[in-house]
Amino acid sequence: MAEEEEEQQQQRVLEMVQADGTDGSCVTFVLHDEDHTLGNSLRYMIMKDPDVEFCGYSITHPSESKINFRIQTRGGFPAIEPFQRGLEELVSVCQHVLSKFEASVEEYKAQRDTHME
């Protein structure tokens, strides 16, 4: 039984916390095994959305590797939508940076090989 509970906790990466009686426009997402690297980047991406009124995160405790990520939207707009869009945009930006980096590495290697001949 203890193994099952431990396995469930290990698989849990994201939780949604919403106050009783509220609509989905104000939600706290608990991201496990994350820190400022994701928190600050994701906050930046989500704050660009004009439907987002507030977006912030906090590290629960230095010894815990999880963040509480809160989003509040205007006009009852569901908070999960800008959260998902922010994650998708962040992945897209990271892919772009990675492809540019890899292209630069290949260009450098090609230039180096040309100069060595």
PDB file of N, CA and C in Angstrom:
ATOM      1  N   MET A   1       0.823  -1.191   0.000  1.00  0.00           N
ATOM      2  CA  MET A   1       0.000   0.000   0.000  1.00  0.00           C
ATOM      3  C   MET A   1       0.868   1.255   0.000  1.00  0.00           C
ATOM      4  N   ALA A   2       1.924   1.265   0.768  1.00  0.00           N
ATOM      5  CA  ALA A   2       2.810   2.429   0.817  1.00  0.00           C
ATOM      6  C   ALA A   2       3.491   2.654  -0.525  1.00  0.00           C
ATOM      7  N   GLU A   3       3.781   1.566  -1.249  1.00  0.00           N
ATOM      8  CA  GLU A   3       4.393   1.689  -2.574  1.00  0.00           C
ATOM      9  C   GLU A   3       3.453   2.370  -3.547  1.00  0.00           C
ATOM     10  N   GLU A   4       2.146   2.047  -3.491  1.00  0.00           N
ATOM     11  CA  GLU A   4       1.160   2.665  -4.374  1.00  0.00           C
ATOM     12  C   GLU A   4       1.076   4.161  -4.127  1.00  0.00           C
ATOM     13  N   GLU A   5       1.016   4.562  -2.870  1.00  0.00           N
ATOM     14  CA  GLU A   5       0.942   5.982  -2.523  1.00  0.00           C
ATOM     15  C   GLU A   5       2.190   6.711  -3.002  1.00  0.00           C
ATOM     16  N   GLU A   6       3.352   6.109  -2.805  1.00  0.00           N
ATOM     17  CA  GLU A   6       4.600   6.726  -3.240  1.00  0.00           C
ATOM     18  C   GLU A   6       4.632   6.863  -4.758  1.00  0.00           C
ATOM     19  N   GLU A   7       4.149   5.848  -5.465  1.00  0.00           N
ATOM     20  CA  GLU A   7       4.122   5.880  -6.925  1.00  0.00           C
ATOM     21  C   GLU A   7       3.172   6.967  -7.419  1.00  0.00           C
ATOM     22  N   GLN A   8       2.010   7.122  -6.772  1.00  0.00           N
ATOM     23  CA  GLN A   8       1.062   8.164  -7.158  1.00  0.00           C
ATOM     24  C   GLN A   8       1.661   9.545  -6.935  1.00  0.00           C
ATOM     25  N   GLN A   9       2.377   9.750  -5.843  1.00  0.00           N
ATOM     26  CA  GLN A   9       2.988  11.042  -5.573  1.00  0.00           C
ATOM     27  C   GLN A   9       4.091  11.345  -6.577  1.00  0.00           C
ATOM     28  N   GLN A  10       4.834  10.332  -6.997  1.00  0.00           N
ATOM     29  CA  GLN A  10       5.889  10.539  -7.970  1.00  0.00           C
ATOM     30  C   GLN A  10       5.315  10.906  -9.328  1.00  0.00           C
ATOM     31  N   GLN A  11       4.168  10.357  -9.702  1.00  0.00           N
ATOM     32  CA  GLN A  11       3.567  10.626 -10.994  1.00  0.00           C
ATOM     33  C   GLN A  11       2.882  11.983 -11.040  1.00  0.00           C
ATOM     34  N   ARG A  12       2.486  12.514  -9.912  1.00  0.00           N
ATOM     35  CA  ARG A  12       1.778  13.791  -9.862  1.00  0.00           C
ATOM     36  C   ARG A  12       2.760  14.933 -10.135  1.00  0.00           C
ATOM     37  N   VAL A  13       2.535  15.622 -11.240  1.00  0.00           N
ATOM     38  CA  VAL A  13       3.422  16.706 -11.637  1.00  0.00           C
ATOM     39  C   VAL A  13       2.707  18.045 -11.515  1.00  0.00           C
ATOM     40  N   LEU A  14       1.407  18.042 -11.739  1.00  0.00           N
ATOM     41  CA  LEU A  14       0.625  19.266 -11.753  1.00  0.00           C
ATOM     42  C   LEU A  14      -0.668  19.062 -10.985  1.00  0.00           C
ATOM     43  N   GLU A  15      -0.989  20.032 -10.139  1.00  0.00           N
ATOM     44  CA  GLU A  15      -2.271  20.039  -9.429  1.00  0.00           C
ATOM     45  C   GLU A  15      -2.939  21.380  -9.662  1.00  0.00           C
ATOM     46  N   MET A  16      -4.266  21.382  -9.682  1.00  0.00           N
ATOM     47  CA  MET A  16      -5.018  22.635  -9.767  1.00  0.00           C
ATOM     48  C   MET A  16      -5.742  22.833  -8.445  1.00  0.00           C
ATOM     49  N   VAL A  17      -5.601  24.027  -7.873  1.00  0.00           N
ATOM     50  CA  VAL A  17      -6.273  24.350  -6.622  1.00  0.00           C
ATOM     51  C   VAL A  17      -7.173  25.543  -6.882  1.00  0.00           C
ATOM     52  N   GLN A  18      -8.454  25.367  -6.572  1.00  0.00           N
ATOM     53  CA  GLN A  18      -9.425  26.424  -6.817  1.00  0.00           C
ATOM     54  C   GLN A  18     -10.324  26.534  -5.595  1.00  0.00           C
ATOM     55  N   ALA A  19     -10.569  27.745  -5.142  1.00  0.00           N
ATOM     56  CA  ALA A  19     -11.423  27.944  -3.973  1.00  0.00           C
ATOM     57  C   ALA A  19     -12.850  27.492  -4.290  1.00  0.00           C
ATOM     58  N   ASP A  20     -13.512  26.913  -3.310  1.00  0.00           N
ATOM     59  CA  ASP A  20     -14.894  26.465  -3.489  1.00  0.00           C
ATOM     60  C   ASP A  20     -15.789  27.647  -3.850  1.00  0.00           C
ATOM     61  N   GLY A  21     -16.693  27.415  -4.793  1.00  0.00           N
ATOM     62  CA  GLY A  21     -17.670  28.436  -5.152  1.00  0.00           C
ATOM     63  C   GLY A  21     -17.155  29.482  -6.125  1.00  0.00           C
ATOM     64  N   THR A  22     -15.932  29.343  -6.593  1.00  0.00           N
ATOM     65  CA  THR A  22     -15.410  30.317  -7.554  1.00  0.00           C
ATOM     66  C   THR A  22     -15.431  29.713  -8.954  1.00  0.00           C
ATOM     67  N   ASP A  23     -15.448  30.603  -9.936  1.00  0.00           N
ATOM     68  CA  ASP A  23     -15.368  30.106 -11.305  1.00  0.00           C
ATOM     69  C   ASP A  23     -13.910  29.788 -11.623  1.00  0.00           C
ATOM     70  N   GLY A  24     -13.629  29.362 -12.812  1.00  0.00           N
ATOM     71  CA  GLY A  24     -12.279  28.950 -13.180  1.00  0.00           C
ATOM     72  C   GLY A  24     -11.373  30.085 -13.570  1.00  0.00           C
ATOM     73  N   SER A  25     -11.761  31.323 -13.235  1.00  0.00           N
ATOM     74  CA  SER A  25     -10.935  32.463 -13.637  1.00  0.00           C
ATOM     75  C   SER A  25      -9.797  32.758 -12.665  1.00  0.00           C
ATOM     76  N   CYS A  26      -9.788  32.121 -11.525  1.00  0.00           N
ATOM     77  CA  CYS A  26      -8.726  32.318 -10.540  1.00  0.00           C
ATOM     78  C   CYS A  26      -8.296  30.948 -10.010  1.00  0.00           C
ATOM     79  N   VAL A  27      -7.134  30.502 -10.465  1.00  0.00           N
ATOM     80  CA  VAL A  27      -6.676  29.153 -10.150  1.00  0.00           C
ATOM     81  C   VAL A  27      -5.208  29.194  -9.741  1.00  0.00           C
ATOM     82  N   THR A  28      -4.855  28.345  -8.789  1.00  0.00           N
ATOM     83  CA  THR A  28      -3.454  28.137  -8.432  1.00  0.00           C
ATOM     84  C   THR A  28      -3.056  26.761  -8.927  1.00  0.00           C
ATOM     85  N   PHE A  29      -1.993  26.739  -9.707  1.00  0.00           N
ATOM     86  CA  PHE A  29      -1.444  25.489 -10.222  1.00  0.00           C
ATOM     87  C   PHE A  29      -0.219  25.157  -9.385  1.00  0.00           C
ATOM     88  N   VAL A  30      -0.146  23.943  -8.889  1.00  0.00           N
ATOM     89  CA  VAL A  30       1.013  23.494  -8.117  1.00  0.00           C
ATOM     90  C   VAL A  30       1.852  22.627  -9.045  1.00  0.00           C
ATOM     91  N   LEU A  31       3.052  23.105  -9.350  1.00  0.00           N
ATOM     92  CA  LEU A  31       3.963  22.402 -10.251  1.00  0.00           C
ATOM     93  C   LEU A  31       5.046  21.742  -9.420  1.00  0.00           C
ATOM     94  N   HIS A  32       5.069  20.429  -9.430  1.00  0.00           N
ATOM     95  CA  HIS A  32       6.048  19.672  -8.654  1.00  0.00           C
ATOM     96  C   HIS A  32       7.345  19.520  -9.431  1.00  0.00           C
ATOM     97  N   ASP A  33       8.442  19.437  -8.725  1.00  0.00           N
ATOM     98  CA  ASP A  33       9.784  19.282  -9.303  1.00  0.00           C
ATOM     99  C   ASP A  33      10.145  20.427 -10.240  1.00  0.00           C
ATOM    100  N   GLU A  34       9.743  21.632  -9.887  1.00  0.00           N
ATOM    101  CA  GLU A  34      10.068  22.821 -10.681  1.00  0.00           C
ATOM    102  C   GLU A  34      10.585  23.914  -9.764  1.00  0.00           C
ATOM    103  N   ASP A  35      11.198  24.923 -10.374  1.00  0.00           N
ATOM    104  CA  ASP A  35      11.756  26.028  -9.593  1.00  0.00           C
ATOM    105  C   ASP A  35      11.636  27.327 -10.383  1.00  0.00           C
ATOM    106  N   HIS A  36      12.472  28.315 -10.050  1.00  0.00           N
ATOM    107  CA  HIS A  36      12.409  29.626 -10.688  1.00  0.00           C
ATOM    108  C   HIS A  36      12.625  29.568 -12.195  1.00  0.00           C
ATOM    109  N   THR A  37      13.359  28.586 -12.673  1.00  0.00           N
ATOM    110  CA  THR A  37      13.655  28.510 -14.104  1.00  0.00           C
ATOM    111  C   THR A  37      12.366  28.463 -14.912  1.00  0.00           C
ATOM    112  N   LEU A  38      11.484  27.564 -14.561  1.00  0.00           N
ATOM    113  CA  LEU A  38      10.201  27.486 -15.259  1.00  0.00           C
ATOM    114  C   LEU A  38       9.257  28.581 -14.780  1.00  0.00           C
ATOM    115  N   GLY A  39       9.221  28.827 -13.492  1.00  0.00           N
ATOM    116  CA  GLY A  39       8.265  29.778 -12.927  1.00  0.00           C
ATOM    117  C   GLY A  39       8.367  31.161 -13.527  1.00  0.00           C
ATOM    118  N   ASN A  40       9.553  31.712 -13.588  1.00  0.00           N
ATOM    119  CA  ASN A  40       9.713  33.073 -14.091  1.00  0.00           C
ATOM    120  C   ASN A  40       9.477  33.140 -15.599  1.00  0.00           C
ATOM    121  N   SER A  41       9.960  32.163 -16.337  1.00  0.00           N
ATOM    122  CA  SER A  41       9.766  32.147 -17.787  1.00  0.00           C
ATOM    123  C   SER A  41       8.289  32.011 -18.137  1.00  0.00           C
ATOM    124  N   LEU A  42       7.599  31.116 -17.460  1.00  0.00           N
ATOM    125  CA  LEU A  42       6.178  30.906 -17.719  1.00  0.00           C
ATOM    126  C   LEU A  42       5.359  32.130 -17.304  1.00  0.00           C
ATOM    127  N   ARG A  43       5.707  32.729 -16.201  1.00  0.00           N
ATOM    128  CA  ARG A  43       5.001  33.941 -15.762  1.00  0.00           C
ATOM    129  C   ARG A  43       5.118  35.026 -16.816  1.00  0.00           C
ATOM    130  N   TYR A  44       6.311  35.205 -17.377  1.00  0.00           N
ATOM    131  CA  TYR A  44       6.534  36.214 -18.414  1.00  0.00           C
ATOM    132  C   TYR A  44       5.643  35.939 -19.627  1.00  0.00           C
ATOM    133  N   MET A  45       5.600  34.682 -20.082  1.00  0.00           N
ATOM    134  CA  MET A  45       4.805  34.334 -21.256  1.00  0.00           C
ATOM    135  C   MET A  45       3.314  34.571 -21.006  1.00  0.00           C
ATOM    136  N   ILE A  46       2.830  34.220 -19.825  1.00  0.00           N
ATOM    137  CA  ILE A  46       1.406  34.344 -19.524  1.00  0.00           C
ATOM    138  C   ILE A  46       1.001  35.799 -19.337  1.00  0.00           C
ATOM    139  N   MET A  47       1.867  36.615 -18.774  1.00  0.00           N
ATOM    140  CA  MET A  47       1.526  38.025 -18.541  1.00  0.00           C
ATOM    141  C   MET A  47       1.363  38.810 -19.839  1.00  0.00           C
ATOM    142  N   LYS A  48       1.847  38.281 -20.950  1.00  0.00           N
ATOM    143  CA  LYS A  48       1.657  38.958 -22.238  1.00  0.00           C
ATOM    144  C   LYS A  48       0.217  38.843 -22.729  1.00  0.00           C
ATOM    145  N   ASP A  49      -0.557  37.925 -22.159  1.00  0.00           N
ATOM    146  CA  ASP A  49      -1.948  37.715 -22.556  1.00  0.00           C
ATOM    147  C   ASP A  49      -2.812  38.848 -21.994  1.00  0.00           C
ATOM    148  N   PRO A  50      -3.543  39.571 -22.845  1.00  0.00           N
ATOM    149  CA  PRO A  50      -4.361  40.697 -22.352  1.00  0.00           C
ATOM    150  C   PRO A  50      -5.529  40.266 -21.460  1.00  0.00           C
ATOM    151  N   ASP A  51      -5.924  38.987 -21.520  1.00  0.00           N
ATOM    152  CA  ASP A  51      -7.018  38.503 -20.668  1.00  0.00           C
ATOM    153  C   ASP A  51      -6.560  38.187 -19.255  1.00  0.00           C
ATOM    154  N   VAL A  52      -5.258  38.214 -18.998  1.00  0.00           N
ATOM    155  CA  VAL A  52      -4.719  37.878 -17.688  1.00  0.00           C
ATOM    156  C   VAL A  52      -4.593  39.151 -16.845  1.00  0.00           C
ATOM    157  N   GLU A  53      -5.248  39.120 -15.706  1.00  0.00           N
ATOM    158  CA  GLU A  53      -5.207  40.263 -14.784  1.00  0.00           C
ATOM    159  C   GLU A  53      -4.022  40.138 -13.826  1.00  0.00           C
ATOM    160  N   PHE A  54      -3.753  38.917 -13.360  1.00  0.00           N
ATOM    161  CA  PHE A  54      -2.657  38.682 -12.431  1.00  0.00           C
ATOM    162  C   PHE A  54      -2.041  37.330 -12.726  1.00  0.00           C
ATOM    163  N   CYS A  55      -0.723  37.278 -12.632  1.00  0.00           N
ATOM    164  CA  CYS A  55      -0.010  36.018 -12.763  1.00  0.00           C
ATOM    165  C   CYS A  55       1.236  36.111 -11.899  1.00  0.00           C
ATOM    166  N   GLY A  56       1.421  35.170 -11.019  1.00  0.00           N
ATOM    167  CA  GLY A  56       2.594  35.172 -10.154  1.00  0.00           C
ATOM    168  C   GLY A  56       2.855  33.767  -9.643  1.00  0.00           C
ATOM    169  N   TYR A  57       4.020  33.591  -9.091  1.00  0.00           N
ATOM    170  CA  TYR A  57       4.357  32.278  -8.541  1.00  0.00           C
ATOM    171  C   TYR A  57       5.178  32.464  -7.284  1.00  0.00           C
ATOM    172  N   SER A  58       5.200  31.414  -6.486  1.00  0.00           N
ATOM    173  CA  SER A  58       6.039  31.432  -5.291  1.00  0.00           C
ATOM    174  C   SER A  58       6.600  30.033  -5.076  1.00  0.00           C
ATOM    175  N   ILE A  59       7.797  30.011  -4.517  1.00  0.00           N
ATOM    176  CA  ILE A  59       8.420  28.763  -4.116  1.00  0.00           C
ATOM    177  C   ILE A  59       7.937  28.497  -2.694  1.00  0.00           C
ATOM    178  N   THR A  60       7.370  27.319  -2.470  1.00  0.00           N
ATOM    179  CA  THR A  60       6.765  27.051  -1.166  1.00  0.00           C
ATOM    180  C   THR A  60       7.790  27.055  -0.040  1.00  0.00           C
ATOM    181  N   HIS A  61       8.938  26.441  -0.273  1.00  0.00           N
ATOM    182  CA  HIS A  61      10.008  26.384   0.723  1.00  0.00           C
ATOM    183  C   HIS A  61      11.289  25.983   0.000  1.00  0.00           C
ATOM    184  N   PRO A  62      12.436  26.527   0.405  1.00  0.00           N
ATOM    185  CA  PRO A  62      13.687  26.193  -0.300  1.00  0.00           C
ATOM    186  C   PRO A  62      14.005  24.698  -0.360  1.00  0.00           C
ATOM    187  N   SER A  63      13.525  23.943   0.611  1.00  0.00           N
ATOM    188  CA  SER A  63      13.831  22.506   0.608  1.00  0.00           C
ATOM    189  C   SER A  63      12.846  21.704  -0.250  1.00  0.00           C
ATOM    190  N   GLU A  64      11.771  22.342  -0.706  1.00  0.00           N
ATOM    191  CA  GLU A  64      10.796  21.668  -1.564  1.00  0.00           C
ATOM    192  C   GLU A  64      10.998  22.133  -2.998  1.00  0.00           C
ATOM    193  N   SER A  65      10.879  21.207  -3.933  1.00  0.00           N
ATOM    194  CA  SER A  65      11.033  21.588  -5.329  1.00  0.00           C
ATOM    195  C   SER A  65       9.661  21.644  -5.997  1.00  0.00           C
ATOM    196  N   LYS A  66       8.863  22.620  -5.561  1.00  0.00           N
ATOM    197  CA  LYS A  66       7.576  22.847  -6.204  1.00  0.00           C
ATOM    198  C   LYS A  66       7.243  24.330  -6.118  1.00  0.00           C
ATOM    199  N   ILE A  67       6.430  24.755  -7.071  1.00  0.00           N
ATOM    200  CA  ILE A  67       6.017  26.153  -7.085  1.00  0.00           C
ATOM    201  C   ILE A  67       4.497  26.233  -7.117  1.00  0.00           C
ATOM    202  N   ASN A  68       3.984  27.274  -6.493  1.00  0.00           N
ATOM    203  CA  ASN A  68       2.568  27.617  -6.583  1.00  0.00           C
ATOM    204  C   ASN A  68       2.451  28.719  -7.620  1.00  0.00           C
ATOM    205  N   PHE A  69       1.715  28.452  -8.656  1.00  0.00           N
ATOM    206  CA  PHE A  69       1.610  29.354  -9.796  1.00  0.00           C
ATOM    207  C   PHE A  69       0.161  29.806  -9.907  1.00  0.00           C
ATOM    208  N   ARG A  70      -0.093  31.095  -9.671  1.00  0.00           N
ATOM    209  CA  ARG A  70      -1.468  31.606  -9.617  1.00  0.00           C
ATOM    210  C   ARG A  70      -1.770  32.469 -10.832  1.00  0.00           C
ATOM    211  N   ILE A  71      -2.946  32.234 -11.412  1.00  0.00           N
ATOM    212  CA  ILE A  71      -3.414  33.021 -12.551  1.00  0.00           C
ATOM    213  C   ILE A  71      -4.820  33.504 -12.258  1.00  0.00           C
ATOM    214  N   GLN A  72      -5.045  34.797 -12.511  1.00  0.00           N
ATOM    215  CA  GLN A  72      -6.379  35.376 -12.394  1.00  0.00           C
ATOM    216  C   GLN A  72      -6.662  36.107 -13.700  1.00  0.00           C
ATOM    217  N   THR A  73      -7.816  35.801 -14.305  1.00  0.00           N
ATOM    218  CA  THR A  73      -8.157  36.393 -15.597  1.00  0.00           C
ATOM    219  C   THR A  73      -9.300  37.385 -15.453  1.00  0.00           C
ATOM    220  N   ARG A  74      -9.495  38.160 -16.492  1.00  0.00           N
ATOM    221  CA  ARG A  74     -10.582  39.149 -16.533  1.00  0.00           C
ATOM    222  C   ARG A  74     -11.848  38.506 -17.102  1.00  0.00           C
ATOM    223  N   GLY A  75     -12.982  38.962 -16.644  1.00  0.00           N
ATOM    224  CA  GLY A  75     -14.267  38.590 -17.231  1.00  0.00           C
ATOM    225  C   GLY A  75     -14.633  37.122 -17.178  1.00  0.00           C
ATOM    226  N   GLY A  76     -14.171  36.394 -16.193  1.00  0.00           N
ATOM    227  CA  GLY A  76     -14.544  34.997 -16.057  1.00  0.00           C
ATOM    228  C   GLY A  76     -13.882  34.073 -17.066  1.00  0.00           C
ATOM    229  N   PHE A  77     -12.892  34.562 -17.772  1.00  0.00           N
ATOM    230  CA  PHE A  77     -12.145  33.763 -18.744  1.00  0.00           C
ATOM    231  C   PHE A  77     -11.427  32.640 -18.004  1.00  0.00           C
ATOM    232  N   PRO A  78     -11.515  31.375 -18.449  1.00  0.00           N
ATOM    233  CA  PRO A  78     -10.883  30.257 -17.722  1.00  0.00           C
ATOM    234  C   PRO A  78      -9.367  30.403 -17.626  1.00  0.00           C
ATOM    235  N   ALA A  79      -8.827  30.305 -16.444  1.00  0.00           N
ATOM    236  CA  ALA A  79      -7.392  30.496 -16.204  1.00  0.00           C
ATOM    237  C   ALA A  79      -6.539  29.398 -16.826  1.00  0.00           C
ATOM    238  N   ILE A  80      -7.129  28.252 -17.061  1.00  0.00           N
ATOM    239  CA  ILE A  80      -6.341  27.155 -17.616  1.00  0.00           C
ATOM    240  C   ILE A  80      -5.930  27.438 -19.067  1.00  0.00           C
ATOM    241  N   GLU A  81      -6.710  28.234 -19.775  1.00  0.00           N
ATOM    242  CA  GLU A  81      -6.383  28.524 -21.176  1.00  0.00           C
ATOM    243  C   GLU A  81      -5.090  29.325 -21.319  1.00  0.00           C
ATOM    244  N   PRO A  82      -4.922  30.447 -20.617  1.00  0.00           N
ATOM    245  CA  PRO A  82      -3.633  31.134 -20.735  1.00  0.00           C
ATOM    246  C   PRO A  82      -2.467  30.314 -20.177  1.00  0.00           C
ATOM    247  N   PHE A  83      -2.759  29.447 -19.199  1.00  0.00           N
ATOM    248  CA  PHE A  83      -1.719  28.575 -18.660  1.00  0.00           C
ATOM    249  C   PHE A  83      -1.226  27.624 -19.755  1.00  0.00           C
ATOM    250  N   GLN A  84      -2.150  26.981 -20.450  1.00  0.00           N
ATOM    251  CA  GLN A  84      -1.775  26.060 -21.520  1.00  0.00           C
ATOM    252  C   GLN A  84      -1.077  26.795 -22.664  1.00  0.00           C
ATOM    253  N   ARG A  85      -1.616  27.938 -23.059  1.00  0.00           N
ATOM    254  CA  ARG A  85      -0.991  28.731 -24.136  1.00  0.00           C
ATOM    255  C   ARG A  85       0.411  29.169 -23.749  1.00  0.00           C
ATOM    256  N   GLY A  86       0.581  29.574 -22.497  1.00  0.00           N
ATOM    257  CA  GLY A  86       1.898  29.993 -22.022  1.00  0.00           C
ATOM    258  C   GLY A  86       2.906  28.862 -22.095  1.00  0.00           C
ATOM    259  N   LEU A  87       2.487  27.657 -21.704  1.00  0.00           N
ATOM    260  CA  LEU A  87       3.374  26.498 -21.801  1.00  0.00           C
ATOM    261  C   LEU A  87       3.731  26.203 -23.256  1.00  0.00           C
ATOM    262  N   GLU A  88       2.737  26.259 -24.141  1.00  0.00           N
ATOM    263  CA  GLU A  88       2.985  25.999 -25.558  1.00  0.00           C
ATOM    264  C   GLU A  88       3.930  27.043 -26.161  1.00  0.00           C
ATOM    265  N   GLU A  89       3.718  28.308 -25.827  1.00  0.00           N
ATOM    266  CA  GLU A  89       4.583  29.375 -26.340  1.00  0.00           C
ATOM    267  C   GLU A  89       5.999  29.234 -25.802  1.00  0.00           C
ATOM    268  N   LEU A  90       6.122  28.846 -24.555  1.00  0.00           N
ATOM    269  CA  LEU A  90       7.446  28.660 -23.956  1.00  0.00           C
ATOM    270  C   LEU A  90       8.184  27.511 -24.632  1.00  0.00           C
ATOM    271  N   VAL A  91       7.485  26.428 -24.920  1.00  0.00           N
ATOM    272  CA  VAL A  91       8.097  25.308 -25.650  1.00  0.00           C
ATOM    273  C   VAL A  91       8.543  25.781 -27.031  1.00  0.00           C
ATOM    274  N   SER A  92       7.710  26.572 -27.688  1.00  0.00           N
ATOM    275  CA  SER A  92       8.045  27.085 -29.017  1.00  0.00           C
ATOM    276  C   SER A  92       9.293  27.965 -28.974  1.00  0.00           C
ATOM    277  N   VAL A  93       9.379  28.841 -28.000  1.00  0.00           N
ATOM    278  CA  VAL A  93      10.558  29.711 -27.855  1.00  0.00           C
ATOM    279  C   VAL A  93      11.803  28.866 -27.583  1.00  0.00           C
ATOM    280  N   CYS A  94      11.680  27.877 -26.725  1.00  0.00           N
ATOM    281  CA  CYS A  94      12.828  27.014 -26.414  1.00  0.00           C
ATOM    282  C   CYS A  94      13.269  26.233 -27.651  1.00  0.00           C
ATOM    283  N   GLN A  95      12.320  25.755 -28.448  1.00  0.00           N
ATOM    284  CA  GLN A  95      12.665  25.053 -29.684  1.00  0.00           C
ATOM    285  C   GLN A  95      13.384  25.976 -30.653  1.00  0.00           C
ATOM    286  N   HIS A  96      12.923  27.216 -30.746  1.00  0.00           N
ATOM    287  CA  HIS A  96      13.557  28.193 -31.631  1.00  0.00           C
ATOM    288  C   HIS A  96      15.002  28.467 -31.189  1.00  0.00           C
ATOM    289  N   VAL A  97      15.192  28.691 -29.899  1.00  0.00           N
ATOM    290  CA  VAL A  97      16.538  28.949 -29.372  1.00  0.00           C
ATOM    291  C   VAL A  97      17.435  27.739 -29.612  1.00  0.00           C
ATOM    292  N   LEU A  98      16.916  26.548 -29.376  1.00  0.00           N
ATOM    293  CA  LEU A  98      17.694  25.335 -29.587  1.00  0.00           C
ATOM    294  C   LEU A  98      18.090  25.179 -31.054  1.00  0.00           C
ATOM    295  N   SER A  99      17.168  25.422 -31.975  1.00  0.00           N
ATOM    296  CA  SER A  99      17.499  25.273 -33.395  1.00  0.00           C
ATOM    297  C   SER A  99      18.528  26.310 -33.830  1.00  0.00           C
ATOM    298  N   LYS A 100      18.415  27.543 -33.342  1.00  0.00           N
ATOM    299  CA  LYS A 100      19.410  28.575 -33.661  1.00  0.00           C
ATOM    300  C   LYS A 100      20.776  28.200 -33.096  1.00  0.00           C
ATOM    301  N   PHE A 101      20.790  27.677 -31.879  1.00  0.00           N
ATOM    302  CA  PHE A 101      22.035  27.271 -31.257  1.00  0.00           C
ATOM    303  C   PHE A 101      22.686  26.146 -32.055  1.00  0.00           C
ATOM    304  N   GLU A 102      21.901  25.136 -32.401  1.00  0.00           N
ATOM    305  CA  GLU A 102      22.439  24.005 -33.159  1.00  0.00           C
ATOM    306  C   GLU A 102      22.949  24.453 -34.521  1.00  0.00           C
ATOM    307  N   ALA A 103      22.244  25.373 -35.193  1.00  0.00           N
ATOM    308  CA  ALA A 103      22.695  25.890 -36.486  1.00  0.00           C
ATOM    309  C   ALA A 103      24.010  26.644 -36.327  1.00  0.00           C
ATOM    310  N   SER A 104      24.133  27.425 -35.259  1.00  0.00           N
ATOM    311  CA  SER A 104      25.376  28.167 -35.007  1.00  0.00           C
ATOM    312  C   SER A 104      26.538  27.228 -34.732  1.00  0.00           C
ATOM    313  N   VAL A 105      26.287  26.159 -34.008  1.00  0.00           N
ATOM    314  CA  VAL A 105      27.337  25.174 -33.732  1.00  0.00           C
ATOM    315  C   VAL A 105      27.795  24.533 -35.044  1.00  0.00           C
ATOM    316  N   GLU A 106      26.850  24.165 -35.890  1.00  0.00           N
ATOM    317  CA  GLU A 106      27.197  23.560 -37.181  1.00  0.00           C
ATOM    318  C   GLU A 106      27.972  24.543 -38.058  1.00  0.00           C
ATOM    319  N   GLU A 107      27.559  25.799 -38.045  1.00  0.00           N
ATOM    320  CA  GLU A 107      28.263  26.829 -38.817  1.00  0.00           C
ATOM    321  C   GLU A 107      29.689  27.002 -38.296  1.00  0.00           C
ATOM    322  N   TYR A 108      29.843  27.023 -36.998  1.00  0.00           N
ATOM    323  CA  TYR A 108      31.176  27.151 -36.405  1.00  0.00           C
ATOM    324  C   TYR A 108      32.065  25.963 -36.788  1.00  0.00           C
ATOM    325  N   LYS A 109      31.502  24.763 -36.711  1.00  0.00           N
ATOM    326  CA  LYS A 109      32.284  23.569 -37.067  1.00  0.00           C
ATOM    327  C   LYS A 109      32.693  23.610 -38.542  1.00  0.00           C
ATOM    328  N   ALA A 110      31.789  24.056 -39.399  1.00  0.00           N
ATOM    329  CA  ALA A 110      32.100  24.150 -40.823  1.00  0.00           C
ATOM    330  C   ALA A 110      33.201  25.179 -41.079  1.00  0.00           C
ATOM    331  N   GLN A 111      33.147  26.312 -40.418  1.00  0.00           N
ATOM    332  CA  GLN A 111      34.176  27.349 -40.565  1.00  0.00           C
ATOM    333  C   GLN A 111      35.506  26.838 -40.031  1.00  0.00           C
ATOM    334  N   ARG A 112      35.485  26.167 -38.931  1.00  0.00           N
ATOM    335  CA  ARG A 112      36.707  25.634 -38.332  1.00  0.00           C
ATOM    336  C   ARG A 112      37.349  24.610 -39.252  1.00  0.00           C
ATOM    337  N   ASP A 113      36.529  23.729 -39.827  1.00  0.00           N
ATOM    338  CA  ASP A 113      37.040  22.714 -40.743  1.00  0.00           C
ATOM    339  C   ASP A 113      37.626  23.347 -41.996  1.00  0.00           C
ATOM    340  N   THR A 114      37.013  24.429 -42.492  1.00  0.00           N
ATOM    341  CA  THR A 114      37.513  25.128 -43.686  1.00  0.00           C
ATOM    342  C   THR A 114      38.864  25.772 -43.402  1.00  0.00           C
ATOM    343  N   HIS A 115      39.014  26.376 -42.253  1.00  0.00           N
ATOM    344  CA  HIS A 115      40.275  27.039 -41.887  1.00  0.00           C
ATOM    345  C   HIS A 115      41.395  26.049 -41.613  1.00  0.00           C
ATOM    346  N   MET A 116      41.069  24.850 -41.220  1.00  0.00           N
ATOM    347  CA  MET A 116      42.098  23.865 -40.902  1.00  0.00           C
ATOM    348  C   MET A 116      42.634  23.166 -42.141  1.00  0.00           C
ATOM    349  N   GLU A 117      41.937  23.261 -43.251  1.00  0.00           N
ATOM    350  CA  GLU A 117      42.391  22.575 -44.464  1.00  0.00           C
ATOM    351  C   GLU A 117      43.522  23.271 -45.127  1.00  0.00           C
TER     352      GLU A 117
END
